[in-house]
Protein backbone atom coordinates (compact mmCIF):
# COMPACT_ATOMS: atom_id res chain seq x y z
CA MET A 1 -64.57 21.49 -53.84
CA THR A 2 -67.21 20.48 -56.49
CA ASN A 3 -66.83 21.54 -59.94
CA GLU A 4 -70.22 23.89 -59.99
CA ARG A 5 -69.02 25.51 -57.60
CA ARG A 6 -65.73 26.48 -58.60
CA SER A 7 -67.44 27.68 -61.36
CA VAL A 8 -69.93 29.97 -58.95
CA LEU A 9 -66.34 30.91 -57.76
CA HIS A 10 -64.54 31.64 -61.22
CA ARG A 11 -67.60 33.73 -62.13
CA ALA A 12 -67.74 36.05 -59.68
CA LEU A 13 -64.39 36.73 -59.42
CA ARG A 14 -64.77 37.44 -63.49
CA ILE A 15 -67.82 40.15 -61.84
CA LEU A 16 -65.69 41.88 -59.48
CA GLU A 17 -62.53 41.62 -61.94
CA THR A 18 -65.17 43.48 -64.37
CA LEU A 19 -66.05 46.34 -61.76
CA LYS A 20 -62.52 46.96 -60.64
CA ASP A 21 -61.41 48.47 -64.01
CA ALA A 22 -65.05 50.52 -64.10
CA PRO A 23 -64.44 52.81 -61.48
CA ASN A 24 -67.86 54.99 -62.06
CA GLY A 25 -69.62 51.72 -62.21
CA LEU A 26 -71.70 49.46 -64.33
CA SER A 27 -75.67 48.20 -64.96
CA LEU A 28 -76.59 44.78 -64.22
CA SER A 29 -76.22 44.31 -67.93
CA ASP A 30 -73.14 46.19 -68.64
CA ILE A 31 -71.64 43.87 -65.57
CA SER A 32 -73.31 40.59 -67.47
CA ARG A 33 -71.79 42.30 -71.06
CA ARG A 34 -68.48 42.03 -70.42
CA SER A 35 -67.61 39.74 -67.91
CA GLY A 36 -69.46 37.52 -70.05
CA VAL A 37 -71.00 36.07 -67.11
CA PRO A 38 -75.48 35.08 -68.36
CA LEU A 39 -77.54 37.83 -67.24
CA THR A 40 -79.58 35.21 -64.62
CA THR A 41 -76.52 34.13 -63.45
CA ALA A 42 -75.40 37.58 -62.81
CA HIS A 43 -78.46 38.69 -61.00
CA ARG A 44 -77.87 36.49 -58.97
CA ILE A 45 -74.16 36.21 -57.84
CA VAL A 46 -74.30 40.17 -57.85
CA GLY A 47 -77.43 39.97 -55.54
CA GLU A 48 -74.88 38.17 -53.44
CA LEU A 49 -71.97 40.12 -53.79
CA HIS A 50 -73.86 42.71 -52.75
CA ASP A 51 -75.91 41.35 -50.13
CA TRP A 52 -72.84 40.95 -47.70
CA GLY A 53 -71.17 44.51 -49.10
CA ALA A 54 -69.24 43.62 -51.70
CA LEU A 55 -70.89 45.73 -53.54
CA GLU A 56 -72.90 48.52 -53.50
CA ARG A 57 -75.92 49.47 -55.97
CA ASP A 58 -76.84 53.08 -56.31
CA SER A 59 -80.90 54.71 -56.74
CA VAL A 60 -80.43 53.94 -60.98
CA GLY A 61 -78.89 50.48 -60.19
CA VAL A 62 -74.93 51.07 -60.74
CA TYR A 63 -72.88 48.52 -58.41
CA ARG A 64 -69.57 49.61 -57.23
CA VAL A 65 -66.79 47.73 -55.51
CA GLY A 66 -68.21 47.76 -51.61
CA LEU A 67 -66.15 49.75 -48.65
CA ARG A 68 -67.12 46.12 -47.35
CA LEU A 69 -64.78 44.26 -49.75
CA TRP A 70 -62.39 47.48 -49.43
CA GLU A 71 -62.15 46.43 -45.66
CA VAL A 72 -60.96 43.13 -46.19
CA THR A 73 -57.86 43.90 -48.96
CA SER A 74 -56.73 46.98 -47.02
CA VAL A 75 -55.13 44.50 -44.78
CA THR A 76 -53.02 43.44 -47.77
CA PRO A 77 -49.58 42.76 -46.87
CA ARG A 78 -47.81 43.57 -49.76
CA SER A 79 -49.37 46.50 -50.30
CA VAL A 80 -50.57 48.17 -47.44
CA GLY A 81 -47.39 47.89 -45.11
CA LEU A 82 -45.28 49.27 -48.50
CA GLN A 83 -47.60 51.91 -48.77
CA ARG A 84 -47.55 53.10 -45.08
CA VAL A 85 -43.94 53.62 -44.98
CA ALA A 86 -43.51 54.78 -48.59
CA LEU A 87 -46.53 57.52 -48.18
CA PRO A 88 -44.66 60.34 -46.20
CA PHE A 89 -41.20 59.55 -48.41
CA MET A 90 -43.17 59.83 -51.36
CA GLN A 91 -45.18 62.93 -50.45
CA ASP A 92 -41.80 64.48 -49.98
CA LEU A 93 -40.49 63.09 -53.33
CA PHE A 94 -43.69 64.71 -55.09
CA GLU A 95 -43.37 68.39 -53.42
CA THR A 96 -39.70 68.85 -53.80
CA THR A 97 -39.81 67.76 -57.72
CA HIS A 98 -43.25 69.08 -58.17
CA ARG A 99 -43.66 65.44 -60.19
CA GLY A 100 -46.49 62.05 -60.63
CA VAL A 101 -44.24 59.94 -58.57
CA HIS A 102 -45.55 56.08 -58.60
CA LEU A 103 -45.29 53.42 -56.44
CA ALA A 104 -45.48 49.65 -57.63
CA ILE A 105 -44.61 45.65 -56.63
CA ARG A 106 -44.91 42.80 -59.14
CA GLU A 107 -47.48 40.05 -59.19
CA LYS A 108 -46.21 36.84 -61.04
CA ASP A 109 -45.62 38.63 -64.59
CA GLN A 110 -47.46 41.76 -64.15
CA VAL A 111 -46.78 45.31 -62.33
CA VAL A 112 -49.27 46.83 -60.17
CA PHE A 113 -49.72 49.79 -58.90
CA VAL A 114 -50.21 50.70 -55.41
CA GLU A 115 -50.27 54.73 -55.03
CA ARG A 116 -49.64 58.02 -56.50
CA PHE A 117 -48.81 61.53 -56.31
CA LEU A 118 -50.50 63.49 -59.48
CA SER A 119 -48.88 66.70 -60.52
CA PRO A 120 -51.39 68.94 -62.32
CA GLU A 121 -50.24 68.43 -65.63
CA THR A 122 -50.84 64.34 -65.51
CA ALA A 123 -54.24 64.85 -63.57
CA THR A 124 -55.55 62.97 -66.22
CA ASP A 125 -52.58 60.23 -66.20
CA ARG A 126 -55.32 56.68 -65.98
CA THR A 127 -52.38 55.16 -63.69
CA ARG A 128 -54.20 54.82 -60.14
CA PRO A 129 -53.64 52.20 -57.77
CA GLY A 130 -54.83 48.15 -58.97
CA VAL A 131 -53.65 49.01 -62.61
CA ARG A 132 -51.97 46.20 -64.09
CA TYR A 133 -48.86 46.41 -67.21
CA GLU A 134 -46.54 44.07 -68.37
CA LEU A 135 -43.91 44.13 -66.58
CA HIS A 136 -41.82 45.41 -69.93
CA VAL A 137 -43.86 47.99 -70.81
CA THR A 138 -42.78 50.35 -68.22
CA ALA A 139 -40.04 51.73 -66.63
CA ILE A 140 -41.40 50.72 -62.77
CA GLY A 141 -42.22 47.69 -64.16
CA LEU A 142 -38.85 47.30 -66.19
CA ILE A 143 -36.76 47.51 -62.62
CA LEU A 144 -38.87 44.69 -61.33
CA LEU A 145 -38.64 42.00 -63.96
CA ALA A 146 -34.46 43.17 -64.67
CA HIS A 147 -34.74 41.79 -60.68
CA ALA A 148 -37.16 39.17 -61.09
CA PRO A 149 -36.41 35.19 -61.22
CA LEU A 150 -34.58 34.59 -64.15
CA GLU A 151 -37.47 31.67 -64.90
CA LEU A 152 -39.46 34.91 -65.16
CA GLN A 153 -37.82 36.98 -66.82
CA ASN A 154 -36.88 34.03 -69.34
CA GLU A 155 -40.53 33.54 -69.23
CA VAL A 156 -41.75 37.02 -70.10
CA LEU A 157 -38.55 37.97 -72.63
CA THR A 158 -39.98 34.66 -74.51
CA GLY A 159 -43.36 35.75 -75.02
CA PRO A 160 -44.56 38.39 -77.17
CA LEU A 161 -43.68 41.45 -76.19
CA THR A 162 -47.11 43.73 -76.64
CA VAL A 163 -46.70 47.59 -76.73
CA PRO A 164 -49.33 50.22 -75.35
CA ASP A 165 -49.86 52.14 -78.82
CA TRP A 166 -47.92 55.49 -77.45
CA ALA A 167 -44.95 52.86 -76.78
CA PRO A 168 -42.16 51.77 -79.27
CA PRO A 169 -41.91 48.37 -80.47
CA VAL A 170 -39.09 46.55 -78.49
CA THR A 171 -37.78 42.94 -79.15
CA GLU A 172 -35.95 40.45 -77.00
CA ARG A 173 -32.84 41.30 -77.55
CA GLU A 174 -33.23 44.68 -76.56
CA VAL A 175 -35.17 44.32 -73.26
CA ARG A 176 -32.60 41.53 -72.54
CA GLN A 177 -29.99 44.70 -72.47
CA LYS A 178 -32.26 47.18 -70.85
CA LEU A 179 -32.81 44.74 -68.00
CA ALA A 180 -28.46 44.69 -68.12
CA ASP A 181 -28.26 48.39 -67.81
CA ILE A 182 -30.68 48.49 -64.81
CA ARG A 183 -28.94 46.45 -63.16
CA ARG A 184 -25.37 47.54 -63.22
CA LEU A 185 -26.68 51.60 -62.89
CA GLY A 186 -29.42 50.71 -60.45
CA TYR A 187 -32.27 52.89 -62.22
CA ALA A 188 -34.87 52.77 -65.50
CA THR A 189 -36.25 55.40 -68.12
CA THR A 190 -38.63 54.83 -71.08
CA PRO A 191 -41.07 56.88 -72.52
CA VAL A 192 -44.80 57.53 -71.12
CA ARG A 193 -47.24 59.02 -74.44
CA GLN A 194 -44.97 61.47 -76.09
CA GLU A 195 -44.85 64.21 -73.31
CA TYR A 196 -42.91 62.01 -70.78
CA ILE A 197 -40.40 60.39 -69.63
CA SER A 198 -40.56 57.87 -66.95
CA VAL A 199 -37.68 57.23 -64.32
CA ALA A 200 -37.67 54.40 -61.81
CA ALA A 201 -35.55 52.93 -59.03
CA PRO A 202 -35.57 49.82 -56.83
CA ILE A 203 -36.69 49.51 -53.60
CA TYR A 204 -35.71 46.55 -51.46
CA GLY A 205 -37.31 44.68 -48.19
CA GLN A 206 -35.35 42.80 -45.06
CA ALA A 207 -34.01 40.27 -47.20
CA GLY A 208 -32.07 42.08 -49.47
CA THR A 209 -34.34 42.21 -52.83
CA VAL A 210 -35.84 44.34 -54.61
CA VAL A 211 -39.59 44.05 -53.59
CA ALA A 212 -41.12 47.00 -55.01
CA ALA A 213 -39.98 50.20 -57.71
CA LEU A 214 -40.74 53.75 -57.54
CA SER A 215 -40.88 56.51 -60.72
CA VAL A 216 -41.43 59.95 -61.00
CA ILE A 217 -42.74 61.15 -64.19
CA LEU A 218 -41.13 64.33 -66.06
CA PRO A 219 -41.56 66.20 -69.21
CA ASN A 220 -39.29 64.93 -72.00
CA THR A 221 -37.39 68.22 -72.45
CA GLU A 222 -36.46 68.30 -68.37
CA SER A 223 -32.96 66.73 -68.10
CA TYR A 224 -33.93 63.63 -65.63
CA GLY A 225 -30.22 64.10 -64.03
CA PRO A 226 -31.05 66.00 -60.80
CA ARG A 227 -34.74 64.58 -60.33
CA LEU A 228 -32.81 60.68 -61.06
CA ALA A 229 -30.78 61.74 -57.96
CA HIS A 230 -34.11 62.58 -55.68
CA LEU A 231 -35.91 59.49 -57.13
CA GLN A 232 -33.46 57.23 -56.01
CA GLY A 233 -32.27 58.99 -52.54
CA THR A 234 -36.25 58.37 -51.51
CA ALA A 235 -35.97 54.53 -52.91
CA ARG A 236 -33.10 54.89 -50.52
CA GLY A 237 -35.09 55.86 -47.68
CA ILE A 238 -38.31 53.56 -48.17
CA SER A 239 -35.63 50.53 -48.24
CA ARG A 240 -34.22 51.45 -45.55
CA ALA A 241 -37.11 52.16 -43.46
CA LEU A 242 -38.30 48.48 -44.44
CA GLY A 243 -35.15 47.20 -43.04
CA ALA A 244 -33.37 46.23 -46.09
CA PRO A 245 -29.21 45.80 -45.54
CA GLN A 246 -27.91 49.09 -45.62
CA ARG A 247 -25.29 47.73 -48.42
CA ARG A 248 -28.09 47.02 -50.77
CA THR A 249 -29.89 50.73 -50.28
CA GLY A 250 -26.72 52.64 -52.40
CA TYR A 251 -27.10 53.51 -55.82
CA ALA A 252 -23.78 54.88 -57.76
CA LEU A 253 -25.17 58.03 -59.77
CA PRO A 254 -24.81 57.21 -63.42
CA SER A 255 -21.86 59.55 -65.01
CA ASP A 256 -24.10 60.61 -68.18
CA MET A 257 -27.76 61.25 -66.72
CA ARG A 258 -28.43 62.76 -70.88
CA LYS A 259 -31.69 64.42 -71.31
CA GLY A 260 -34.30 61.34 -72.69
CA GLY A 261 -35.10 58.61 -72.22
């Protein structure tokens, strides 16, 4: 591939990445500004993406991700197969707990959310499918980091451990201790802004390794012990449905199920 063709592809991907974070769509000038692609080049690339069906344009010139792109990505095996198996379990957990439920996988050094059920009180939750966070920031990400290859753990932990404004700062030593606790106890907790706590558990695949994680979002005034039992039972069910070895689907409930995180 020539440098020119590689540059065009890179710019097209930047444009798509920009639109991924704009569910209400963007004008051509906004696409150019946010992606850093010059306006004339953006006009040409956006036109080609629109002609193919990767983008859709409304009557006032606002572009959104198109149905054709969804058709291509809808066969992604890691997320779609997992979603198909997990959805009925997630719905049952949601109806049992009446709390928000999230499903996520790891993509390199980030956690990617692939499905969710929102409770009315968390209906404004920004963690929609496709959103990414650093692994060390959320309970669901910490589960995935705790079971990631050691090389990746070291890469993440020796890098900048930045956190959102609503999260407390963390050190490498603190995160390493959290990961050890997660592997021992089989679950993770983190605060979510000031009002909520996230509780997460691992999901195992056929090879007996962690392939995803599941979480529930609870008010921080609510004891998470009973919800943890439901969460871990749901994670076990998904793991069995994915073909995980029986010995990897069990979780030892900790004797200390204190409130908070």
